[in-house]
Amino acid sequence: MTRVKRGVAASKRRKNLLEDAKGYRWKRSSLYRTAKQAVIKAGAYAYRDRRAKKRSMRRLWITRLNTAVRELGMKYSILIKTMTDKKIEVDRKVLSQMATENPTIFAKFIEKVK
C-alpha cells in the first residue's frame, strides 16, 4: 500500500476557510478554530436572512401599495379582493413599482380595477 501524505489537502482546507473569514474582527479572522466557528455562524445567519429579506420586502411592497391606494380612495385589502375576484394576476412587487415610478399609470390601473 502506498503512503498518503495529507498535508497539502489539510492546509488548502484551512487556507480556504481563513479566506472566507477575511474581514472578520480579532481572532475570528486569523485563528483556524475560531474562524471556523465564525464562518459556520455567518452561514447560518445568511441562510436565515435570505428568507427574512423576502418577508421584509413583501411588507414594504404592501405598505407602499396601501399608501398609494389610499390616496386614490381605496384600501389595500379591497384592492387585493377585487383583483382576485376579477382574476387579475399582478404581483405586489410590480404594483408597488408601478405606484412609485408611474403614479399616473397606477391611477389608471386602479380605475380599471374598480
PDB file of N, CA and C in Angstrom:
ATOM      1  N   MET A   1       0.847  -1.181   0.000  1.00  0.00           N
ATOM      2  CA  MET A   1       0.000   0.000   0.000  1.00  0.00           C
ATOM      3  C   MET A   1       0.890   1.242   0.000  1.00  0.00           C
ATOM      4  N   THR A   2       0.547   2.219  -0.831  1.00  0.00           N
ATOM      5  CA  THR A   2       1.355   3.426  -0.902  1.00  0.00           C
ATOM      6  C   THR A   2       0.992   4.380   0.216  1.00  0.00           C
ATOM      7  N   ARG A   3       1.956   5.190   0.569  1.00  0.00           N
ATOM      8  CA  ARG A   3       1.766   6.135   1.656  1.00  0.00           C
ATOM      9  C   ARG A   3       1.039   7.376   1.149  1.00  0.00           C
ATOM     10  N   VAL A   4       0.046   7.848   1.900  1.00  0.00           N
ATOM     11  CA  VAL A   4      -0.703   9.039   1.532  1.00  0.00           C
ATOM     12  C   VAL A   4      -0.332  10.157   2.501  1.00  0.00           C
ATOM     13  N   LYS A   5       0.185  11.226   1.932  1.00  0.00           N
ATOM     14  CA  LYS A   5       0.517  12.388   2.750  1.00  0.00           C
ATOM     15  C   LYS A   5      -0.600  13.406   2.566  1.00  0.00           C
ATOM     16  N   ARG A   6      -1.184  13.852   3.676  1.00  0.00           N
ATOM     17  CA  ARG A   6      -2.389  14.676   3.597  1.00  0.00           C
ATOM     18  C   ARG A   6      -2.158  16.138   3.941  1.00  0.00           C
ATOM     19  N   GLY A   7      -0.919  16.534   4.031  1.00  0.00           N
ATOM     20  CA  GLY A   7      -0.627  17.908   4.451  1.00  0.00           C
ATOM     21  C   GLY A   7      -1.141  18.958   3.486  1.00  0.00           C
ATOM     22  N   VAL A   8      -1.058  18.678   2.186  1.00  0.00           N
ATOM     23  CA  VAL A   8      -1.464  19.661   1.184  1.00  0.00           C
ATOM     24  C   VAL A   8      -2.969  19.898   1.259  1.00  0.00           C
ATOM     25  N   ALA A   9      -3.739  18.825   1.347  1.00  0.00           N
ATOM     26  CA  ALA A   9      -5.201  18.958   1.398  1.00  0.00           C
ATOM     27  C   ALA A   9      -5.642  19.688   2.655  1.00  0.00           C
ATOM     28  N   ALA A  10      -5.034  19.353   3.786  1.00  0.00           N
ATOM     29  CA  ALA A  10      -5.424  19.977   5.053  1.00  0.00           C
ATOM     30  C   ALA A  10      -5.085  21.462   5.050  1.00  0.00           C
ATOM     31  N   SER A  11      -3.897  21.806   4.556  1.00  0.00           N
ATOM     32  CA  SER A  11      -3.526  23.220   4.553  1.00  0.00           C
ATOM     33  C   SER A  11      -4.384  24.006   3.564  1.00  0.00           C
ATOM     34  N   LYS A  12      -4.768  23.374   2.458  1.00  0.00           N
ATOM     35  CA  LYS A  12      -5.659  24.032   1.491  1.00  0.00           C
ATOM     36  C   LYS A  12      -7.024  24.296   2.118  1.00  0.00           C
ATOM     37  N   ARG A  13      -7.539  23.314   2.873  1.00  0.00           N
ATOM     38  CA  ARG A  13      -8.829  23.466   3.529  1.00  0.00           C
ATOM     39  C   ARG A  13      -8.781  24.608   4.552  1.00  0.00           C
ATOM     40  N   ARG A  14      -7.696  24.647   5.346  1.00  0.00           N
ATOM     41  CA  ARG A  14      -7.554  25.712   6.334  1.00  0.00           C
ATOM     42  C   ARG A  14      -7.394  27.070   5.673  1.00  0.00           C
ATOM     43  N   LYS A  15      -6.619  27.116   4.595  1.00  0.00           N
ATOM     44  CA  LYS A  15      -6.403  28.378   3.886  1.00  0.00           C
ATOM     45  C   LYS A  15      -7.716  28.906   3.304  1.00  0.00           C
ATOM     46  N   ASN A  16      -8.522  28.022   2.723  1.00  0.00           N
ATOM     47  CA  ASN A  16      -9.803  28.441   2.149  1.00  0.00           C
ATOM     48  C   ASN A  16     -10.751  28.947   3.224  1.00  0.00           C
ATOM     49  N   LEU A  17     -10.762  28.290   4.370  1.00  0.00           N
ATOM     50  CA  LEU A  17     -11.641  28.719   5.453  1.00  0.00           C
ATOM     51  C   LEU A  17     -11.206  30.079   5.995  1.00  0.00           C
ATOM     52  N   LEU A  18      -9.899  30.274   6.153  1.00  0.00           N
ATOM     53  CA  LEU A  18      -9.411  31.566   6.637  1.00  0.00           C
ATOM     54  C   LEU A  18      -9.675  32.670   5.608  1.00  0.00           C
ATOM     55  N   GLU A  19      -9.709  32.296   4.344  1.00  0.00           N
ATOM     56  CA  GLU A  19     -10.051  33.265   3.310  1.00  0.00           C
ATOM     57  C   GLU A  19     -11.527  33.674   3.422  1.00  0.00           C
ATOM     58  N   ASP A  20     -12.382  32.708   3.767  1.00  0.00           N
ATOM     59  CA  ASP A  20     -13.800  33.009   3.976  1.00  0.00           C
ATOM     60  C   ASP A  20     -13.994  33.935   5.171  1.00  0.00           C
ATOM     61  N   ALA A  21     -13.101  33.826   6.161  1.00  0.00           N
ATOM     62  CA  ALA A  21     -13.215  34.633   7.377  1.00  0.00           C
ATOM     63  C   ALA A  21     -12.495  35.970   7.249  1.00  0.00           C
ATOM     64  N   LYS A  22     -12.030  36.292   6.064  1.00  0.00           N
ATOM     65  CA  LYS A  22     -11.319  37.544   5.848  1.00  0.00           C
ATOM     66  C   LYS A  22     -12.254  38.718   6.112  1.00  0.00           C
ATOM     67  N   GLY A  23     -11.786  39.685   6.866  1.00  0.00           N
ATOM     68  CA  GLY A  23     -12.604  40.844   7.186  1.00  0.00           C
ATOM     69  C   GLY A  23     -13.290  40.734   8.534  1.00  0.00           C
ATOM     70  N   TYR A  24     -13.273  39.553   9.133  1.00  0.00           N
ATOM     71  CA  TYR A  24     -13.838  39.401  10.475  1.00  0.00           C
ATOM     72  C   TYR A  24     -12.885  40.056  11.461  1.00  0.00           C
ATOM     73  N   ARG A  25     -13.386  40.349  12.640  1.00  0.00           N
ATOM     74  CA  ARG A  25     -12.579  41.077  13.608  1.00  0.00           C
ATOM     75  C   ARG A  25     -11.893  40.140  14.581  1.00  0.00           C
ATOM     76  N   TRP A  26     -10.738  40.583  15.059  1.00  0.00           N
ATOM     77  CA  TRP A  26      -9.943  39.923  16.085  1.00  0.00           C
ATOM     78  C   TRP A  26      -9.535  38.506  15.688  1.00  0.00           C
ATOM     79  N   LYS A  27      -9.600  37.575  16.618  1.00  0.00           N
ATOM     80  CA  LYS A  27      -9.115  36.215  16.370  1.00  0.00           C
ATOM     81  C   LYS A  27      -9.926  35.489  15.306  1.00  0.00           C
ATOM     82  N   ARG A  28     -11.129  35.958  15.070  1.00  0.00           N
ATOM     83  CA  ARG A  28     -12.029  35.254  14.157  1.00  0.00           C
ATOM     84  C   ARG A  28     -11.513  35.257  12.722  1.00  0.00           C
ATOM     85  N   SER A  29     -10.595  36.153  12.406  1.00  0.00           N
ATOM     86  CA  SER A  29     -10.072  36.202  11.043  1.00  0.00           C
ATOM     87  C   SER A  29      -8.740  35.491  10.882  1.00  0.00           C
ATOM     88  N   SER A  30      -8.069  35.171  11.984  1.00  0.00           N
ATOM     89  CA  SER A  30      -6.711  34.638  11.853  1.00  0.00           C
ATOM     90  C   SER A  30      -6.510  33.252  12.461  1.00  0.00           C
ATOM     91  N   LEU A  31      -7.268  32.909  13.492  1.00  0.00           N
ATOM     92  CA  LEU A  31      -7.107  31.598  14.115  1.00  0.00           C
ATOM     93  C   LEU A  31      -8.128  30.619  13.548  1.00  0.00           C
ATOM     94  N   TYR A  32      -7.647  29.441  13.180  1.00  0.00           N
ATOM     95  CA  TYR A  32      -8.483  28.487  12.456  1.00  0.00           C
ATOM     96  C   TYR A  32      -9.727  28.086  13.238  1.00  0.00           C
ATOM     97  N   ARG A  33      -9.558  27.738  14.505  1.00  0.00           N
ATOM     98  CA  ARG A  33     -10.692  27.209  15.271  1.00  0.00           C
ATOM     99  C   ARG A  33     -11.805  28.239  15.423  1.00  0.00           C
ATOM    100  N   THR A  34     -11.446  29.460  15.781  1.00  0.00           N
ATOM    101  CA  THR A  34     -12.463  30.496  15.948  1.00  0.00           C
ATOM    102  C   THR A  34     -13.007  30.958  14.593  1.00  0.00           C
ATOM    103  N   ALA A  35     -12.151  30.947  13.574  1.00  0.00           N
ATOM    104  CA  ALA A  35     -12.605  31.331  12.238  1.00  0.00           C
ATOM    105  C   ALA A  35     -13.625  30.327  11.714  1.00  0.00           C
ATOM    106  N   LYS A  36     -13.404  29.055  12.004  1.00  0.00           N
ATOM    107  CA  LYS A  36     -14.340  28.019  11.551  1.00  0.00           C
ATOM    108  C   LYS A  36     -15.711  28.229  12.196  1.00  0.00           C
ATOM    109  N   GLN A  37     -15.724  28.514  13.497  1.00  0.00           N
ATOM    110  CA  GLN A  37     -16.989  28.784  14.191  1.00  0.00           C
ATOM    111  C   GLN A  37     -17.679  30.011  13.605  1.00  0.00           C
ATOM    112  N   ALA A  38     -16.882  31.052  13.324  1.00  0.00           N
ATOM    113  CA  ALA A  38     -17.441  32.299  12.799  1.00  0.00           C
ATOM    114  C   ALA A  38     -18.033  32.094  11.405  1.00  0.00           C
ATOM    115  N   VAL A  39     -17.363  31.309  10.570  1.00  0.00           N
ATOM    116  CA  VAL A  39     -17.853  31.070   9.212  1.00  0.00           C
ATOM    117  C   VAL A  39     -19.137  30.249   9.247  1.00  0.00           C
ATOM    118  N   ILE A  40     -19.197  29.253  10.133  1.00  0.00           N
ATOM    119  CA  ILE A  40     -20.415  28.440  10.265  1.00  0.00           C
ATOM    120  C   ILE A  40     -21.575  29.322  10.736  1.00  0.00           C
ATOM    121  N   LYS A  41     -21.316  30.169  11.724  1.00  0.00           N
ATOM    122  CA  LYS A  41     -22.359  31.056  12.252  1.00  0.00           C
ATOM    123  C   LYS A  41     -22.817  32.043  11.177  1.00  0.00           C
ATOM    124  N   ALA A  42     -21.863  32.575  10.424  1.00  0.00           N
ATOM    125  CA  ALA A  42     -22.193  33.533   9.368  1.00  0.00           C
ATOM    126  C   ALA A  42     -23.049  32.873   8.299  1.00  0.00           C
ATOM    127  N   GLY A  43     -22.742  31.622   7.997  1.00  0.00           N
ATOM    128  CA  GLY A  43     -23.542  30.885   7.019  1.00  0.00           C
ATOM    129  C   GLY A  43     -24.961  30.678   7.492  1.00  0.00           C
ATOM    130  N   ALA A  44     -25.118  30.386   8.781  1.00  0.00           N
ATOM    131  CA  ALA A  44     -26.459  30.197   9.346  1.00  0.00           C
ATOM    132  C   ALA A  44     -27.248  31.502   9.305  1.00  0.00           C
ATOM    133  N   TYR A  45     -26.586  32.619   9.631  1.00  0.00           N
ATOM    134  CA  TYR A  45     -27.251  33.914   9.572  1.00  0.00           C
ATOM    135  C   TYR A  45     -27.646  34.266   8.133  1.00  0.00           C
ATOM    136  N   ALA A  46     -26.754  33.976   7.190  1.00  0.00           N
ATOM    137  CA  ALA A  46     -27.025  34.296   5.788  1.00  0.00           C
ATOM    138  C   ALA A  46     -28.220  33.495   5.281  1.00  0.00           C
ATOM    139  N   TYR A  47     -28.281  32.221   5.641  1.00  0.00           N
ATOM    140  CA  TYR A  47     -29.393  31.362   5.233  1.00  0.00           C
ATOM    141  C   TYR A  47     -30.709  31.897   5.796  1.00  0.00           C
ATOM    142  N   ARG A  48     -30.689  32.230   7.092  1.00  0.00           N
ATOM    143  CA  ARG A  48     -31.891  32.737   7.746  1.00  0.00           C
ATOM    144  C   ARG A  48     -32.338  34.064   7.123  1.00  0.00           C
ATOM    145  N   ASP A  49     -31.383  34.949   6.886  1.00  0.00           N
ATOM    146  CA  ASP A  49     -31.735  36.292   6.452  1.00  0.00           C
ATOM    147  C   ASP A  49     -32.102  36.374   4.980  1.00  0.00           C
ATOM    148  N   ARG A  50     -31.717  35.377   4.177  1.00  0.00           N
ATOM    149  CA  ARG A  50     -32.203  35.346   2.805  1.00  0.00           C
ATOM    150  C   ARG A  50     -33.712  35.157   2.797  1.00  0.00           C
ATOM    151  N   ARG A  51     -34.219  34.385   3.747  1.00  0.00           N
ATOM    152  CA  ARG A  51     -35.664  34.183   3.855  1.00  0.00           C
ATOM    153  C   ARG A  51     -36.347  35.387   4.500  1.00  0.00           C
ATOM    154  N   ALA A  52     -35.694  35.972   5.494  1.00  0.00           N
ATOM    155  CA  ALA A  52     -36.252  37.148   6.167  1.00  0.00           C
ATOM    156  C   ALA A  52     -36.336  38.330   5.203  1.00  0.00           C
ATOM    157  N   LYS A  53     -35.384  38.420   4.282  1.00  0.00           N
ATOM    158  CA  LYS A  53     -35.379  39.502   3.305  1.00  0.00           C
ATOM    159  C   LYS A  53     -36.632  39.446   2.434  1.00  0.00           C
ATOM    160  N   LYS A  54     -37.026  38.243   2.047  1.00  0.00           N
ATOM    161  CA  LYS A  54     -38.231  38.078   1.233  1.00  0.00           C
ATOM    162  C   LYS A  54     -39.464  38.573   1.986  1.00  0.00           C
ATOM    163  N   ARG A  55     -39.535  38.249   3.276  1.00  0.00           N
ATOM    164  CA  ARG A  55     -40.672  38.688   4.096  1.00  0.00           C
ATOM    165  C   ARG A  55     -40.691  40.205   4.248  1.00  0.00           C
ATOM    166  N   SER A  56     -39.515  40.790   4.527  1.00  0.00           N
ATOM    167  CA  SER A  56     -39.475  42.234   4.760  1.00  0.00           C
ATOM    168  C   SER A  56     -39.752  43.010   3.470  1.00  0.00           C
ATOM    169  N   MET A  57     -39.307  42.494   2.332  1.00  0.00           N
ATOM    170  CA  MET A  57     -39.594  43.162   1.067  1.00  0.00           C
ATOM    171  C   MET A  57     -41.079  43.124   0.761  1.00  0.00           C
ATOM    172  N   ARG A  58     -41.722  41.989   1.030  1.00  0.00           N
ATOM    173  CA  ARG A  58     -43.158  41.892   0.805  1.00  0.00           C
ATOM    174  C   ARG A  58     -43.910  42.888   1.690  1.00  0.00           C
ATOM    175  N   ARG A  59     -43.483  43.028   2.950  1.00  0.00           N
ATOM    176  CA  ARG A  59     -44.100  44.010   3.855  1.00  0.00           C
ATOM    177  C   ARG A  59     -43.937  45.423   3.307  1.00  0.00           C
ATOM    178  N   LEU A  60     -42.765  45.726   2.763  1.00  0.00           N
ATOM    179  CA  LEU A  60     -42.504  47.046   2.194  1.00  0.00           C
ATOM    180  C   LEU A  60     -43.420  47.309   1.003  1.00  0.00           C
ATOM    181  N   TRP A  61     -43.544  46.309   0.107  1.00  0.00           N
ATOM    182  CA  TRP A  61     -44.417  46.473  -1.058  1.00  0.00           C
ATOM    183  C   TRP A  61     -45.855  46.723  -0.631  1.00  0.00           C
ATOM    184  N   ILE A  62     -46.324  45.970   0.360  1.00  0.00           N
ATOM    185  CA  ILE A  62     -47.699  46.118   0.830  1.00  0.00           C
ATOM    186  C   ILE A  62     -47.915  47.504   1.444  1.00  0.00           C
ATOM    187  N   THR A  63     -46.940  47.981   2.211  1.00  0.00           N
ATOM    188  CA  THR A  63     -47.044  49.307   2.827  1.00  0.00           C
ATOM    189  C   THR A  63     -47.098  50.395   1.757  1.00  0.00           C
ATOM    190  N   ARG A  64     -46.214  50.281   0.765  1.00  0.00           N
ATOM    191  CA  ARG A  64     -46.201  51.258  -0.327  1.00  0.00           C
ATOM    192  C   ARG A  64     -47.525  51.245  -1.090  1.00  0.00           C
ATOM    193  N   LEU A  65     -48.010  50.043  -1.360  1.00  0.00           N
ATOM    194  CA  LEU A  65     -49.274  49.906  -2.071  1.00  0.00           C
ATOM    195  C   LEU A  65     -50.424  50.525  -1.285  1.00  0.00           C
ATOM    196  N   ASN A  66     -50.452  50.252  -0.003  1.00  0.00           N
ATOM    197  CA  ASN A  66     -51.531  50.747   0.842  1.00  0.00           C
ATOM    198  C   ASN A  66     -51.577  52.274   0.820  1.00  0.00           C
ATOM    199  N   THR A  67     -50.422  52.911   0.948  1.00  0.00           N
ATOM    200  CA  THR A  67     -50.405  54.382   0.939  1.00  0.00           C
ATOM    201  C   THR A  67     -50.810  54.930  -0.426  1.00  0.00           C
ATOM    202  N   ALA A  68     -50.338  54.284  -1.496  1.00  0.00           N
ATOM    203  CA  ALA A  68     -50.669  54.763  -2.838  1.00  0.00           C
ATOM    204  C   ALA A  68     -52.150  54.581  -3.142  1.00  0.00           C
ATOM    205  N   VAL A  69     -52.703  53.458  -2.704  1.00  0.00           N
ATOM    206  CA  VAL A  69     -54.107  53.161  -2.989  1.00  0.00           C
ATOM    207  C   VAL A  69     -55.026  54.048  -2.159  1.00  0.00           C
ATOM    208  N   ARG A  70     -54.645  54.336  -0.925  1.00  0.00           N
ATOM    209  CA  ARG A  70     -55.470  55.199  -0.063  1.00  0.00           C
ATOM    210  C   ARG A  70     -55.557  56.617  -0.616  1.00  0.00           C
ATOM    211  N   GLU A  71     -54.508  57.074  -1.293  1.00  0.00           N
ATOM    212  CA  GLU A  71     -54.554  58.384  -1.935  1.00  0.00           C
ATOM    213  C   GLU A  71     -55.596  58.422  -3.050  1.00  0.00           C
ATOM    214  N   LEU A  72     -55.859  57.242  -3.618  1.00  0.00           N
ATOM    215  CA  LEU A  72     -56.837  57.146  -4.703  1.00  0.00           C
ATOM    216  C   LEU A  72     -58.223  56.729  -4.198  1.00  0.00           C
ATOM    217  N   GLY A  73     -58.399  56.718  -2.877  1.00  0.00           N
ATOM    218  CA  GLY A  73     -59.710  56.465  -2.293  1.00  0.00           C
ATOM    219  C   GLY A  73     -60.097  54.998  -2.207  1.00  0.00           C
ATOM    220  N   MET A  74     -59.152  54.149  -1.914  1.00  0.00           N
ATOM    221  CA  MET A  74     -59.418  52.715  -1.806  1.00  0.00           C
ATOM    222  C   MET A  74     -58.517  52.141  -0.729  1.00  0.00           C
ATOM    223  N   LYS A  75     -58.838  50.962  -0.226  1.00  0.00           N
ATOM    224  CA  LYS A  75     -57.978  50.306   0.748  1.00  0.00           C
ATOM    225  C   LYS A  75     -57.224  49.161   0.072  1.00  0.00           C
ATOM    226  N   TYR A  76     -56.083  48.818   0.646  1.00  0.00           N
ATOM    227  CA  TYR A  76     -55.266  47.740   0.095  1.00  0.00           C
ATOM    228  C   TYR A  76     -56.029  46.420   0.067  1.00  0.00           C
ATOM    229  N   SER A  77     -56.687  46.103   1.166  1.00  0.00           N
ATOM    230  CA  SER A  77     -57.379  44.811   1.250  1.00  0.00           C
ATOM    231  C   SER A  77     -58.499  44.720   0.216  1.00  0.00           C
ATOM    232  N   ILE A  78     -59.190  45.817  -0.007  1.00  0.00           N
ATOM    233  CA  ILE A  78     -60.262  45.840  -1.003  1.00  0.00           C
ATOM    234  C   ILE A  78     -59.679  45.699  -2.412  1.00  0.00           C
ATOM    235  N   LEU A  79     -58.530  46.343  -2.642  1.00  0.00           N
ATOM    236  CA  LEU A  79     -57.851  46.226  -3.935  1.00  0.00           C
ATOM    237  C   LEU A  79     -57.511  44.774  -4.242  1.00  0.00           C
ATOM    238  N   ILE A  80     -56.896  44.103  -3.288  1.00  0.00           N
ATOM    239  CA  ILE A  80     -56.493  42.704  -3.491  1.00  0.00           C
ATOM    240  C   ILE A  80     -57.722  41.818  -3.701  1.00  0.00           C
ATOM    241  N   LYS A  81     -58.784  42.076  -2.925  1.00  0.00           N
ATOM    242  CA  LYS A  81     -60.010  41.283  -3.054  1.00  0.00           C
ATOM    243  C   LYS A  81     -60.628  41.446  -4.436  1.00  0.00           C
ATOM    244  N   THR A  82     -60.739  42.688  -4.910  1.00  0.00           N
ATOM    245  CA  THR A  82     -61.330  42.915  -6.232  1.00  0.00           C
ATOM    246  C   THR A  82     -60.449  42.350  -7.343  1.00  0.00           C
ATOM    247  N   MET A  83     -59.137  42.416  -7.144  1.00  0.00           N
ATOM    248  CA  MET A  83     -58.238  41.845  -8.153  1.00  0.00           C
ATOM    249  C   MET A  83     -58.390  40.334  -8.239  1.00  0.00           C
ATOM    250  N   THR A  84     -58.538  39.671  -7.100  1.00  0.00           N
ATOM    251  CA  THR A  84     -58.716  38.221  -7.130  1.00  0.00           C
ATOM    252  C   THR A  84     -60.080  37.856  -7.701  1.00  0.00           C
ATOM    253  N   ASP A  85     -61.106  38.654  -7.403  1.00  0.00           N
ATOM    254  CA  ASP A  85     -62.440  38.388  -7.952  1.00  0.00           C
ATOM    255  C   ASP A  85     -62.455  38.532  -9.469  1.00  0.00           C
ATOM    256  N   LYS A  86     -61.737  39.551  -9.964  1.00  0.00           N
ATOM    257  CA  LYS A  86     -61.691  39.784 -11.411  1.00  0.00           C
ATOM    258  C   LYS A  86     -60.580  38.991 -12.104  1.00  0.00           C
ATOM    259  N   LYS A  87     -59.885  38.149 -11.320  1.00  0.00           N
ATOM    260  CA  LYS A  87     -58.803  37.295 -11.825  1.00  0.00           C
ATOM    261  C   LYS A  87     -57.684  38.098 -12.520  1.00  0.00           C
ATOM    262  N   ILE A  88     -57.318  39.201 -11.891  1.00  0.00           N
ATOM    263  CA  ILE A  88     -56.172  39.997 -12.350  1.00  0.00           C
ATOM    264  C   ILE A  88     -54.971  39.541 -11.550  1.00  0.00           C
ATOM    265  N   GLU A  89     -53.997  38.966 -12.224  1.00  0.00           N
ATOM    266  CA  GLU A  89     -52.831  38.409 -11.530  1.00  0.00           C
ATOM    267  C   GLU A  89     -51.610  39.295 -11.753  1.00  0.00           C
ATOM    268  N   VAL A  90     -51.502  40.318 -10.934  1.00  0.00           N
ATOM    269  CA  VAL A  90     -50.315  41.177 -10.920  1.00  0.00           C
ATOM    270  C   VAL A  90     -49.786  41.140  -9.499  1.00  0.00           C
ATOM    271  N   ASP A  91     -48.513  40.802  -9.355  1.00  0.00           N
ATOM    272  CA  ASP A  91     -47.990  40.642  -8.001  1.00  0.00           C
ATOM    273  C   ASP A  91     -47.705  41.981  -7.334  1.00  0.00           C
ATOM    274  N   ARG A  92     -47.496  41.914  -6.031  1.00  0.00           N
ATOM    275  CA  ARG A  92     -47.361  43.114  -5.219  1.00  0.00           C
ATOM    276  C   ARG A  92     -46.106  43.908  -5.570  1.00  0.00           C
ATOM    277  N   LYS A  93     -45.055  43.223  -5.964  1.00  0.00           N
ATOM    278  CA  LYS A  93     -43.813  43.904  -6.316  1.00  0.00           C
ATOM    279  C   LYS A  93     -44.035  44.809  -7.525  1.00  0.00           C
ATOM    280  N   VAL A  94     -44.674  44.272  -8.546  1.00  0.00           N
ATOM    281  CA  VAL A  94     -44.918  45.047  -9.761  1.00  0.00           C
ATOM    282  C   VAL A  94     -45.857  46.215  -9.475  1.00  0.00           C
ATOM    283  N   LEU A  95     -46.900  45.954  -8.700  1.00  0.00           N
ATOM    284  CA  LEU A  95     -47.839  47.031  -8.340  1.00  0.00           C
ATOM    285  C   LEU A  95     -47.133  48.135  -7.564  1.00  0.00           C
ATOM    286  N   SER A  96     -46.267  47.738  -6.638  1.00  0.00           N
ATOM    287  CA  SER A  96     -45.534  48.720  -5.833  1.00  0.00           C
ATOM    288  C   SER A  96     -44.608  49.563  -6.712  1.00  0.00           C
ATOM    289  N   GLN A  97     -43.901  48.901  -7.635  1.00  0.00           N
ATOM    290  CA  GLN A  97     -43.028  49.643  -8.543  1.00  0.00           C
ATOM    291  C   GLN A  97     -43.829  50.600  -9.415  1.00  0.00           C
ATOM    292  N   MET A  98     -44.980  50.132  -9.872  1.00  0.00           N
ATOM    293  CA  MET A  98     -45.845  50.976 -10.691  1.00  0.00           C
ATOM    294  C   MET A  98     -46.313  52.192  -9.897  1.00  0.00           C
ATOM    295  N   ALA A  99     -46.672  51.978  -8.634  1.00  0.00           N
ATOM    296  CA  ALA A  99     -47.170  53.073  -7.800  1.00  0.00           C
ATOM    297  C   ALA A  99     -46.094  54.116  -7.535  1.00  0.00           C
ATOM    298  N   THR A 100     -44.849  53.680  -7.364  1.00  0.00           N
ATOM    299  CA  THR A 100     -43.785  54.634  -7.050  1.00  0.00           C
ATOM    300  C   THR A 100     -43.202  55.294  -8.298  1.00  0.00           C
ATOM    301  N   GLU A 101     -43.045  54.534  -9.378  1.00  0.00           N
ATOM    302  CA  GLU A 101     -42.376  55.065 -10.570  1.00  0.00           C
ATOM    303  C   GLU A 101     -43.339  55.729 -11.554  1.00  0.00           C
ATOM    304  N   ASN A 102     -44.557  55.179 -11.698  1.00  0.00           N
ATOM    305  CA  ASN A 102     -45.533  55.706 -12.664  1.00  0.00           C
ATOM    306  C   ASN A 102     -46.891  55.898 -11.999  1.00  0.00           C
ATOM    307  N   PRO A 103     -47.052  56.941 -11.197  1.00  0.00           N
ATOM    308  CA  PRO A 103     -48.314  57.124 -10.475  1.00  0.00           C
ATOM    309  C   PRO A 103     -49.530  57.318 -11.387  1.00  0.00           C
ATOM    310  N   THR A 104     -49.336  57.937 -12.544  1.00  0.00           N
ATOM    311  CA  THR A 104     -50.478  58.149 -13.439  1.00  0.00           C
ATOM    312  C   THR A 104     -50.978  56.835 -14.015  1.00  0.00           C
ATOM    313  N   ILE A 105     -50.066  55.979 -14.422  1.00  0.00           N
ATOM    314  CA  ILE A 105     -50.451  54.658 -14.944  1.00  0.00           C
ATOM    315  C   ILE A 105     -51.085  53.830 -13.834  1.00  0.00           C
ATOM    316  N   PHE A 106     -50.542  53.956 -12.633  1.00  0.00           N
ATOM    317  CA  PHE A 106     -51.095  53.220 -11.491  1.00  0.00           C
ATOM    318  C   PHE A 106     -52.524  53.682 -11.199  1.00  0.00           C
ATOM    319  N   ALA A 107     -52.773  54.979 -11.291  1.00  0.00           N
ATOM    320  CA  ALA A 107     -54.120  55.508 -11.068  1.00  0.00           C
ATOM    321  C   ALA A 107     -55.090  54.968 -12.108  1.00  0.00           C
ATOM    322  N   LYS A 108     -54.649  54.891 -13.368  1.00  0.00           N
ATOM    323  CA  LYS A 108     -55.491  54.313 -14.420  1.00  0.00           C
ATOM    324  C   LYS A 108     -55.786  52.838 -14.138  1.00  0.00           C
ATOM    325  N   PHE A 109     -54.781  52.122 -13.660  1.00  0.00           N
ATOM    326  CA  PHE A 109     -54.950  50.710 -13.326  1.00  0.00           C
ATOM    327  C   PHE A 109     -55.986  50.536 -12.214  1.00  0.00           C
ATOM    328  N   ILE A 110     -55.905  51.387 -11.200  1.00  0.00           N
ATOM    329  CA  ILE A 110     -56.852  51.308 -10.076  1.00  0.00           C
ATOM    330  C   ILE A 110     -58.272  51.603 -10.558  1.00  0.00           C
ATOM    331  N   GLU A 111     -58.425  52.586 -11.447  1.00  0.00           N
ATOM    332  CA  GLU A 111     -59.750  52.880 -12.001  1.00  0.00           C
ATOM    333  C   GLU A 111     -60.299  51.687 -12.777  1.00  0.00           C
ATOM    334  N   LYS A 112     -59.414  51.005 -13.479  1.00  0.00           N
ATOM    335  CA  LYS A 112     -59.836  49.814 -14.234  1.00  0.00           C
ATOM    336  C   LYS A 112     -60.275  48.700 -13.281  1.00  0.00           C
ATOM    337  N   VAL A 113     -59.571  48.559 -12.167  1.00  0.00           N
ATOM    338  CA  VAL A 113     -59.902  47.511 -11.174  1.00  0.00           C
ATOM    339  C   VAL A 113     -61.236  47.824 -10.518  1.00  0.00           C
ATOM    340  N   LYS A 114     -61.482  49.106 -10.231  1.00  0.00           N
ATOM    341  CA  LYS A 114     -62.740  49.496  -9.579  1.00  0.00           C
ATOM    342  C   LYS A 114     -63.892  49.126 -10.482  1.00  0.00           C
TER     343      LYS A 114
END
